[in-house]
């Protein structure tokens, strides 16, 4: 029985129908005998909508309040996804970054994870529940909500996988793996079956948007095995590690 961390991006949970499909994938993994921790991003354009709302009110929003605002999208996703999983007969519990024990510095908008105390997540998994964690966020030593910046949900997933000693961290995206070129622009792009951390870092730093370099760096440092795969098919993904 493996412990698997699954991360779903905004396009994977863009609406309630997409949310139902993701919930079924989570339940199928759980029913196959695995322990499951899920990290989820905000639905679709939620973050952009929140940014637009702030911009309509002020040209200079306080950074602390912006982090509180922007963390709301992932909280909505985690709660709805937990409801969808419960509806399919598997008990799921939702946790904010703070509730999941994700400790950060106080650099609002681009906080760094400085520690993890994922006791509630570990306890939920031990009790046979699916733990669903809001990505992209944590809490500072001053008990302020913080956001992790670009690639924050991927970083959340890798950090949880590292601290929970997960067997695998699956990053679900809108493509079915890592390619040598963008497959949406180049039909002849070649998909890697496996790629090293170092080569993945080169791709990420060269503009590939499949994984953020901070996420890959953390996975390399903590020896977390990643798999990049599609949220919309069962095609084999790309192993990073």
C-alpha atoms as a PDB file:
ATOM      1  CA  UNK A   1       0.000   0.000   0.000  1.00  0.00           C
ATOM      2  CA  UNK A   2       1.655   3.202  -1.206  1.00  0.00           C
ATOM      3  CA  UNK A   3       1.280   6.725   0.096  1.00  0.00           C
ATOM      4  CA  UNK A   4       0.595   8.922  -2.924  1.00  0.00           C
ATOM      5  CA  UNK A   5       0.400  12.699  -3.004  1.00  0.00           C
ATOM      6  CA  UNK A   6      -1.715  13.985  -5.887  1.00  0.00           C
ATOM      7  CA  UNK A   7      -1.704  17.618  -7.006  1.00  0.00           C
ATOM      8  CA  UNK A   8      -4.413  19.062  -9.240  1.00  0.00           C
ATOM      9  CA  UNK A   9      -4.062  22.420 -10.954  1.00  0.00           C
ATOM     10  CA  UNK A  10      -6.757  24.969 -11.687  1.00  0.00           C
ATOM     11  CA  UNK A  11      -7.641  23.587 -15.122  1.00  0.00           C
ATOM     12  CA  UNK A  12      -8.229  20.156 -13.551  1.00  0.00           C
ATOM     13  CA  UNK A  13     -10.874  21.570 -11.199  1.00  0.00           C
ATOM     14  CA  UNK A  14     -12.171  24.382 -13.404  1.00  0.00           C
ATOM     15  CA  UNK A  15     -15.842  23.678 -12.672  1.00  0.00           C
ATOM     16  CA  UNK A  16     -18.033  21.257 -10.734  1.00  0.00           C
ATOM     17  CA  UNK A  17     -18.038  18.654 -13.503  1.00  0.00           C
ATOM     18  CA  UNK A  18     -14.253  18.677 -13.586  1.00  0.00           C
ATOM     19  CA  UNK A  19     -14.274  18.486  -9.805  1.00  0.00           C
ATOM     20  CA  UNK A  20     -16.408  15.332  -9.989  1.00  0.00           C
ATOM     21  CA  UNK A  21     -13.939  13.705 -12.396  1.00  0.00           C
ATOM     22  CA  UNK A  22     -11.040  14.518 -10.101  1.00  0.00           C
ATOM     23  CA  UNK A  23     -12.962  13.174  -7.115  1.00  0.00           C
ATOM     24  CA  UNK A  24     -13.537   9.883  -8.952  1.00  0.00           C
ATOM     25  CA  UNK A  25      -9.807   9.602  -9.721  1.00  0.00           C
ATOM     26  CA  UNK A  26      -9.004  10.177  -6.047  1.00  0.00           C
ATOM     27  CA  UNK A  27     -11.539   7.580  -4.956  1.00  0.00           C
ATOM     28  CA  UNK A  28     -10.250   5.049  -7.499  1.00  0.00           C
ATOM     29  CA  UNK A  29      -6.717   5.510  -6.110  1.00  0.00           C
ATOM     30  CA  UNK A  30      -7.979   5.118  -2.539  1.00  0.00           C
ATOM     31  CA  UNK A  31     -10.043   2.033  -3.409  1.00  0.00           C
ATOM     32  CA  UNK A  32      -6.994   0.462  -5.077  1.00  0.00           C
ATOM     33  CA  UNK A  33      -5.519   0.271  -1.569  1.00  0.00           C
ATOM     34  CA  UNK A  34      -3.377   3.399  -1.513  1.00  0.00           C
ATOM     35  CA  UNK A  35      -3.252   6.169   1.074  1.00  0.00           C
ATOM     36  CA  UNK A  36      -3.954   9.505  -0.584  1.00  0.00           C
ATOM     37  CA  UNK A  37      -3.080  13.116   0.150  1.00  0.00           C
ATOM     38  CA  UNK A  38      -4.341  15.691  -2.340  1.00  0.00           C
ATOM     39  CA  UNK A  39      -3.129  19.245  -2.973  1.00  0.00           C
ATOM     40  CA  UNK A  40      -5.443  21.429  -5.016  1.00  0.00           C
ATOM     41  CA  UNK A  41      -5.187  24.803  -6.721  1.00  0.00           C
ATOM     42  CA  UNK A  42      -7.905  27.422  -7.147  1.00  0.00           C
ATOM     43  CA  UNK A  43     -10.653  26.667  -9.662  1.00  0.00           C
ATOM     44  CA  UNK A  44     -10.090  27.994 -13.181  1.00  0.00           C
ATOM     45  CA  UNK A  45      -9.844  31.781 -13.240  1.00  0.00           C
ATOM     46  CA  UNK A  46     -10.621  32.305  -9.560  1.00  0.00           C
ATOM     47  CA  UNK A  47      -7.253  33.847  -8.708  1.00  0.00           C
ATOM     48  CA  UNK A  48      -7.474  36.247 -11.662  1.00  0.00           C
ATOM     49  CA  UNK A  49     -10.990  37.238 -10.601  1.00  0.00           C
ATOM     50  CA  UNK A  50      -9.767  37.974  -7.075  1.00  0.00           C
ATOM     51  CA  UNK A  51      -6.910  40.085  -8.460  1.00  0.00           C
ATOM     52  CA  UNK A  52      -9.378  42.019 -10.621  1.00  0.00           C
ATOM     53  CA  UNK A  53     -11.606  42.669  -7.613  1.00  0.00           C
ATOM     54  CA  UNK A  54      -8.681  44.061  -5.642  1.00  0.00           C
ATOM     55  CA  UNK A  55      -7.574  46.207  -8.578  1.00  0.00           C
ATOM     56  CA  UNK A  56     -11.057  47.698  -8.832  1.00  0.00           C
ATOM     57  CA  UNK A  57     -10.701  48.950  -5.265  1.00  0.00           C
ATOM     58  CA  UNK A  58      -7.100  50.073  -4.986  1.00  0.00           C
ATOM     59  CA  UNK A  59      -3.872  50.539  -6.923  1.00  0.00           C
ATOM     60  CA  UNK A  60      -1.808  49.705  -3.851  1.00  0.00           C
ATOM     61  CA  UNK A  61      -3.325  46.841  -1.847  1.00  0.00           C
ATOM     62  CA  UNK A  62      -1.560  45.852   1.401  1.00  0.00           C
ATOM     63  CA  UNK A  63       0.516  42.707   0.831  1.00  0.00           C
ATOM     64  CA  UNK A  64      -0.802  41.006   3.963  1.00  0.00           C
ATOM     65  CA  UNK A  65      -4.434  41.476   2.915  1.00  0.00           C
ATOM     66  CA  UNK A  66      -3.657  40.374  -0.641  1.00  0.00           C
ATOM     67  CA  UNK A  67      -2.337  37.062   0.661  1.00  0.00           C
ATOM     68  CA  UNK A  68      -5.483  36.565   2.719  1.00  0.00           C
ATOM     69  CA  UNK A  69      -7.557  37.324  -0.375  1.00  0.00           C
ATOM     70  CA  UNK A  70      -5.622  35.133  -2.815  1.00  0.00           C
ATOM     71  CA  UNK A  71      -5.540  32.148  -0.462  1.00  0.00           C
ATOM     72  CA  UNK A  72      -9.347  32.020  -0.660  1.00  0.00           C
ATOM     73  CA  UNK A  73      -9.382  30.362  -4.085  1.00  0.00           C
ATOM     74  CA  UNK A  74      -7.591  27.235  -2.900  1.00  0.00           C
ATOM     75  CA  UNK A  75      -9.773  27.083   0.201  1.00  0.00           C
ATOM     76  CA  UNK A  76     -12.866  26.998  -1.978  1.00  0.00           C
ATOM     77  CA  UNK A  77     -11.385  24.201  -4.080  1.00  0.00           C
ATOM     78  CA  UNK A  78     -10.321  22.053  -1.128  1.00  0.00           C
ATOM     79  CA  UNK A  79     -13.753  22.277   0.517  1.00  0.00           C
ATOM     80  CA  UNK A  80     -15.681  21.485  -2.660  1.00  0.00           C
ATOM     81  CA  UNK A  81     -13.367  18.625  -3.601  1.00  0.00           C
ATOM     82  CA  UNK A  82     -13.691  17.109  -0.130  1.00  0.00           C
ATOM     83  CA  UNK A  83     -17.466  17.270  -0.505  1.00  0.00           C
ATOM     84  CA  UNK A  84     -17.252  15.541  -3.889  1.00  0.00           C
ATOM     85  CA  UNK A  85     -15.048  12.745  -2.533  1.00  0.00           C
ATOM     86  CA  UNK A  86     -17.315  12.228   0.468  1.00  0.00           C
ATOM     87  CA  UNK A  87     -20.283  12.016  -1.903  1.00  0.00           C
ATOM     88  CA  UNK A  88     -18.577   9.029  -3.576  1.00  0.00           C
ATOM     89  CA  UNK A  89     -18.409   7.160  -0.286  1.00  0.00           C
ATOM     90  CA  UNK A  90     -14.825   7.850   0.813  1.00  0.00           C
ATOM     91  CA  UNK A  91     -14.265  10.031   3.854  1.00  0.00           C
ATOM     92  CA  UNK A  92     -12.234  13.138   3.045  1.00  0.00           C
ATOM     93  CA  UNK A  93     -11.078  16.030   5.212  1.00  0.00           C
ATOM     94  CA  UNK A  94     -10.074  19.468   3.928  1.00  0.00           C
ATOM     95  CA  UNK A  95      -7.204  21.480   5.419  1.00  0.00           C
ATOM     96  CA  UNK A  96      -5.914  24.983   4.801  1.00  0.00           C
ATOM     97  CA  UNK A  97      -2.179  25.475   4.563  1.00  0.00           C
ATOM     98  CA  UNK A  98      -2.131  26.565   8.196  1.00  0.00           C
ATOM     99  CA  UNK A  99      -4.183  23.555   9.323  1.00  0.00           C
ATOM    100  CA  UNK A 100      -1.833  21.294   7.364  1.00  0.00           C
ATOM    101  CA  UNK A 101       1.114  22.701   9.318  1.00  0.00           C
ATOM    102  CA  UNK A 102       2.877  24.488   6.453  1.00  0.00           C
ATOM    103  CA  UNK A 103       5.155  27.045   8.110  1.00  0.00           C
ATOM    104  CA  UNK A 104       6.616  29.888   6.041  1.00  0.00           C
ATOM    105  CA  UNK A 105       8.591  33.091   6.343  1.00  0.00           C
ATOM    106  CA  UNK A 106       6.779  36.444   6.175  1.00  0.00           C
ATOM    107  CA  UNK A 107       7.583  37.306   2.558  1.00  0.00           C
ATOM    108  CA  UNK A 108       4.012  37.980   1.413  1.00  0.00           C
ATOM    109  CA  UNK A 109       3.312  36.958  -2.157  1.00  0.00           C
ATOM    110  CA  UNK A 110       6.416  34.770  -2.457  1.00  0.00           C
ATOM    111  CA  UNK A 111       6.840  33.076   0.906  1.00  0.00           C
ATOM    112  CA  UNK A 112       9.314  30.249   1.407  1.00  0.00           C
ATOM    113  CA  UNK A 113       8.435  27.107   3.360  1.00  0.00           C
ATOM    114  CA  UNK A 114      10.640  26.989   6.463  1.00  0.00           C
ATOM    115  CA  UNK A 115       9.108  23.992   8.227  1.00  0.00           C
ATOM    116  CA  UNK A 116       6.315  21.430   8.217  1.00  0.00           C
ATOM    117  CA  UNK A 117       4.205  20.005  11.010  1.00  0.00           C
ATOM    118  CA  UNK A 118       1.624  17.994   9.036  1.00  0.00           C
ATOM    119  CA  UNK A 119       0.265  16.138  12.061  1.00  0.00           C
ATOM    120  CA  UNK A 120      -3.415  16.513  11.155  1.00  0.00           C
ATOM    121  CA  UNK A 121      -2.792  15.368   7.597  1.00  0.00           C
ATOM    122  CA  UNK A 122      -0.806  12.340   8.772  1.00  0.00           C
ATOM    123  CA  UNK A 123      -3.490  11.467  11.315  1.00  0.00           C
ATOM    124  CA  UNK A 124      -6.249  11.674   8.688  1.00  0.00           C
ATOM    125  CA  UNK A 125      -4.337   9.362   6.360  1.00  0.00           C
ATOM    126  CA  UNK A 126      -3.629   6.922   9.191  1.00  0.00           C
ATOM    127  CA  UNK A 127      -7.376   6.836   9.907  1.00  0.00           C
ATOM    128  CA  UNK A 128      -8.107   5.883   6.296  1.00  0.00           C
ATOM    129  CA  UNK A 129      -9.317   9.297   5.188  1.00  0.00           C
ATOM    130  CA  UNK A 130      -8.264  11.284   2.136  1.00  0.00           C
ATOM    131  CA  UNK A 131      -6.569  14.519   3.219  1.00  0.00           C
ATOM    132  CA  UNK A 132      -7.187  17.408   0.838  1.00  0.00           C
ATOM    133  CA  UNK A 133      -4.889  20.384   1.333  1.00  0.00           C
ATOM    134  CA  UNK A 134      -5.159  23.885  -0.088  1.00  0.00           C
ATOM    135  CA  UNK A 135      -2.062  24.555  -2.159  1.00  0.00           C
ATOM    136  CA  UNK A 136      -0.107  27.778  -2.601  1.00  0.00           C
ATOM    137  CA  UNK A 137      -0.347  28.867   1.031  1.00  0.00           C
ATOM    138  CA  UNK A 138       1.013  28.579   4.543  1.00  0.00           C
ATOM    139  CA  UNK A 139       1.245  30.500   7.778  1.00  0.00           C
ATOM    140  CA  UNK A 140       4.037  32.661   9.167  1.00  0.00           C
ATOM    141  CA  UNK A 141       5.481  32.733  12.679  1.00  0.00           C
ATOM    142  CA  UNK A 142       3.192  35.732  13.295  1.00  0.00           C
ATOM    143  CA  UNK A 143       0.161  33.595  12.351  1.00  0.00           C
ATOM    144  CA  UNK A 144      -0.382  35.526   9.130  1.00  0.00           C
ATOM    145  CA  UNK A 145      -1.637  33.774   6.010  1.00  0.00           C
ATOM    146  CA  UNK A 146       1.035  33.721   3.313  1.00  0.00           C
ATOM    147  CA  UNK A 147       1.099  32.655  -0.321  1.00  0.00           C
ATOM    148  CA  UNK A 148       4.002  30.878  -2.001  1.00  0.00           C
ATOM    149  CA  UNK A 149       4.055  32.610  -5.366  1.00  0.00           C
ATOM    150  CA  UNK A 150       4.359  31.027  -8.802  1.00  0.00           C
ATOM    151  CA  UNK A 151       4.336  27.223  -8.718  1.00  0.00           C
ATOM    152  CA  UNK A 152       3.201  27.346  -5.102  1.00  0.00           C
ATOM    153  CA  UNK A 153       0.778  24.430  -5.237  1.00  0.00           C
ATOM    154  CA  UNK A 154       3.404  22.160  -6.822  1.00  0.00           C
ATOM    155  CA  UNK A 155       5.803  23.202  -4.064  1.00  0.00           C
ATOM    156  CA  UNK A 156       3.150  22.437  -1.436  1.00  0.00           C
ATOM    157  CA  UNK A 157       2.687  18.950  -2.877  1.00  0.00           C
ATOM    158  CA  UNK A 158       6.405  18.172  -2.970  1.00  0.00           C
ATOM    159  CA  UNK A 159       6.925  19.496   0.569  1.00  0.00           C
ATOM    160  CA  UNK A 160       4.106  17.337   1.910  1.00  0.00           C
ATOM    161  CA  UNK A 161       5.423  14.311   0.006  1.00  0.00           C
ATOM    162  CA  UNK A 162       8.862  14.870   1.543  1.00  0.00           C
ATOM    163  CA  UNK A 163       7.695  15.259   5.124  1.00  0.00           C
ATOM    164  CA  UNK A 164       5.188  12.408   4.902  1.00  0.00           C
ATOM    165  CA  UNK A 165       7.752  10.126   3.182  1.00  0.00           C
ATOM    166  CA  UNK A 166       5.354   9.529   0.306  1.00  0.00           C
ATOM    167  CA  UNK A 167       6.169   6.867  -2.261  1.00  0.00           C
ATOM    168  CA  UNK A 168       5.183   9.114  -5.157  1.00  0.00           C
ATOM    169  CA  UNK A 169       4.073  12.681  -5.848  1.00  0.00           C
ATOM    170  CA  UNK A 170       1.845  12.913  -8.929  1.00  0.00           C
ATOM    171  CA  UNK A 171       1.445  16.326 -10.535  1.00  0.00           C
ATOM    172  CA  UNK A 172      -1.708  16.301 -12.677  1.00  0.00           C
ATOM    173  CA  UNK A 173      -1.753  18.875 -15.485  1.00  0.00           C
ATOM    174  CA  UNK A 174      -3.399  19.511 -18.845  1.00  0.00           C
ATOM    175  CA  UNK A 175      -0.628  17.616 -20.667  1.00  0.00           C
ATOM    176  CA  UNK A 176       0.259  13.939 -20.254  1.00  0.00           C
ATOM    177  CA  UNK A 177       3.907  14.345 -19.359  1.00  0.00           C
ATOM    178  CA  UNK A 178       7.098  16.277 -20.018  1.00  0.00           C
ATOM    179  CA  UNK A 179       8.002  16.875 -23.663  1.00  0.00           C
ATOM    180  CA  UNK A 180      11.129  18.159 -25.360  1.00  0.00           C
ATOM    181  CA  UNK A 181       8.950  20.954 -26.780  1.00  0.00           C
ATOM    182  CA  UNK A 182       5.460  22.285 -26.127  1.00  0.00           C
ATOM    183  CA  UNK A 183       3.184  19.594 -27.631  1.00  0.00           C
ATOM    184  CA  UNK A 184       0.396  22.131 -28.075  1.00  0.00           C
ATOM    185  CA  UNK A 185       2.600  24.071 -30.506  1.00  0.00           C
ATOM    186  CA  UNK A 186       4.687  21.226 -31.916  1.00  0.00           C
ATOM    187  CA  UNK A 187       2.733  18.062 -32.872  1.00  0.00           C
ATOM    188  CA  UNK A 188       6.003  16.165 -33.345  1.00  0.00           C
ATOM    189  CA  UNK A 189       7.194  16.873 -29.786  1.00  0.00           C
ATOM    190  CA  UNK A 190       8.653  13.828 -28.020  1.00  0.00           C
ATOM    191  CA  UNK A 191       7.511  12.846 -24.526  1.00  0.00           C
ATOM    192  CA  UNK A 192      10.059  11.679 -21.986  1.00  0.00           C
ATOM    193  CA  UNK A 193       9.284   8.446 -20.164  1.00  0.00           C
ATOM    194  CA  UNK A 194      11.738   9.463 -17.473  1.00  0.00           C
ATOM    195  CA  UNK A 195      13.852  12.569 -16.940  1.00  0.00           C
ATOM    196  CA  UNK A 196      16.433  13.481 -14.315  1.00  0.00           C
ATOM    197  CA  UNK A 197      15.962  16.310 -11.833  1.00  0.00           C
ATOM    198  CA  UNK A 198      18.831  18.203 -13.449  1.00  0.00           C
ATOM    199  CA  UNK A 199      17.399  17.943 -16.959  1.00  0.00           C
ATOM    200  CA  UNK A 200      13.950  18.911 -15.670  1.00  0.00           C
ATOM    201  CA  UNK A 201      15.487  21.963 -14.016  1.00  0.00           C
ATOM    202  CA  UNK A 202      17.062  22.981 -17.318  1.00  0.00           C
ATOM    203  CA  UNK A 203      13.682  22.716 -19.036  1.00  0.00           C
ATOM    204  CA  UNK A 204      11.928  24.635 -16.263  1.00  0.00           C
ATOM    205  CA  UNK A 205      14.512  27.417 -16.285  1.00  0.00           C
ATOM    206  CA  UNK A 206      14.344  27.496 -20.065  1.00  0.00           C
ATOM    207  CA  UNK A 207      10.654  28.394 -20.008  1.00  0.00           C
ATOM    208  CA  UNK A 208       8.866  25.032 -19.818  1.00  0.00           C
ATOM    209  CA  UNK A 209       5.756  25.606 -17.731  1.00  0.00           C
ATOM    210  CA  UNK A 210       5.041  22.021 -16.712  1.00  0.00           C
ATOM    211  CA  UNK A 211       6.883  22.333 -13.378  1.00  0.00           C
ATOM    212  CA  UNK A 212       8.319  25.359 -11.611  1.00  0.00           C
ATOM    213  CA  UNK A 213      12.052  25.184 -10.920  1.00  0.00           C
ATOM    214  CA  UNK A 214      11.546  25.737  -7.173  1.00  0.00           C
ATOM    215  CA  UNK A 215       9.358  22.621  -7.032  1.00  0.00           C
ATOM    216  CA  UNK A 216      11.974  20.541  -8.908  1.00  0.00           C
ATOM    217  CA  UNK A 217      14.787  21.819  -6.703  1.00  0.00           C
ATOM    218  CA  UNK A 218      12.870  20.796  -3.590  1.00  0.00           C
ATOM    219  CA  UNK A 219      12.105  17.357  -5.041  1.00  0.00           C
ATOM    220  CA  UNK A 220      15.784  16.843  -5.879  1.00  0.00           C
ATOM    221  CA  UNK A 221      16.933  17.926  -2.422  1.00  0.00           C
ATOM    222  CA  UNK A 222      14.387  15.737  -0.617  1.00  0.00           C
ATOM    223  CA  UNK A 223      14.582  12.786  -3.056  1.00  0.00           C
ATOM    224  CA  UNK A 224      10.869  12.976  -3.888  1.00  0.00           C
ATOM    225  CA  UNK A 225       9.915  10.968  -6.974  1.00  0.00           C
ATOM    226  CA  UNK A 226       7.583  12.988  -9.212  1.00  0.00           C
ATOM    227  CA  UNK A 227       5.273  11.886 -11.982  1.00  0.00           C
ATOM    228  CA  UNK A 228       3.829  14.456 -14.365  1.00  0.00           C
ATOM    229  CA  UNK A 229       0.637  13.154 -15.929  1.00  0.00           C
ATOM    230  CA  UNK A 230      -2.676  14.241 -17.410  1.00  0.00           C
ATOM    231  CA  UNK A 231      -5.750  14.935 -15.306  1.00  0.00           C
ATOM    232  CA  UNK A 232      -7.883  14.184 -18.364  1.00  0.00           C
ATOM    233  CA  UNK A 233      -6.628  10.735 -19.394  1.00  0.00           C
ATOM    234  CA  UNK A 234      -5.019   7.603 -17.994  1.00  0.00           C
ATOM    235  CA  UNK A 235      -1.966   7.833 -20.270  1.00  0.00           C
ATOM    236  CA  UNK A 236       1.366   7.075 -18.584  1.00  0.00           C
ATOM    237  CA  UNK A 237       3.164  10.217 -17.477  1.00  0.00           C
ATOM    238  CA  UNK A 238       6.795  11.221 -17.119  1.00  0.00           C
ATOM    239  CA  UNK A 239       8.794  10.193 -14.056  1.00  0.00           C
ATOM    240  CA  UNK A 240      11.089  12.909 -12.723  1.00  0.00           C
ATOM    241  CA  UNK A 241      13.818  11.605 -10.474  1.00  0.00           C
END
